[in-house]
Amino acid sequence: MAYDISLRLPAEWICEQDTYTDETGVEITHLEAQKPGSLIDIYVGEMPEGETAEDQALANYAETVGFYEDDPEDFNPIVKIDFNGKKAYGFSALCEDESPMRFIAQEVRRGVLAIIVFFAPDEDSVIEVQNLIERGFRTKA
C-alpha cells in the first residue's frame, strides 16, 4: 500500500517523493528533502512481520555503523526517544565526511513503519532539522 507523506519545510528545501516495491514485495513510499549540506530521507511502509521499530533500528545500526569486537556483549546503541509525541527508536552516528546524522524508526500507526534518516553540517543543525521533521511530518494511507 502506498502512503501519502507530507513534510512542511522552509522554501529552501527541495522535496521529491516516489513509491517503489522493495525486495520483499512491500510497497514503500519515499520522501527526500535536501538543501545544501543537509538531507532528509523518510521511508514509510508496512512493518515487517514479527518485527518492531526497535528491531528495525538495531538492524539499520548493524548495517550502517556496525559492531566492533571490543563492544561489550550487552552493548545496545539504540535509544528510545519521544518523537512527534510517540515512542520511537534510533541512534546517532557520523557520516563519512564527519557530519552528524540521526536514524529514527517509529511505528506511526499499527503495522506502519516510518524510517527517518537525516544529516546536517553540525550538531545544532541536526537538532534544527529534527525539530522541523517533528513539526511538519505527516503520513496517511
Foldseek 3Di string as FASTA:
>chain_A
DEKDKWADDPPQKDKDWDWDADPVRWIKIWMWIDHVFKIKIKIKTFDPPPDDLLNVQQVVCCVPPNDDPPADPPDDQKDWDQALNDIWIWHWDADPVRWIKIWIWDQPDVRMIMIMIMTGRHDVVRVVVSVSRSVTIDMDD
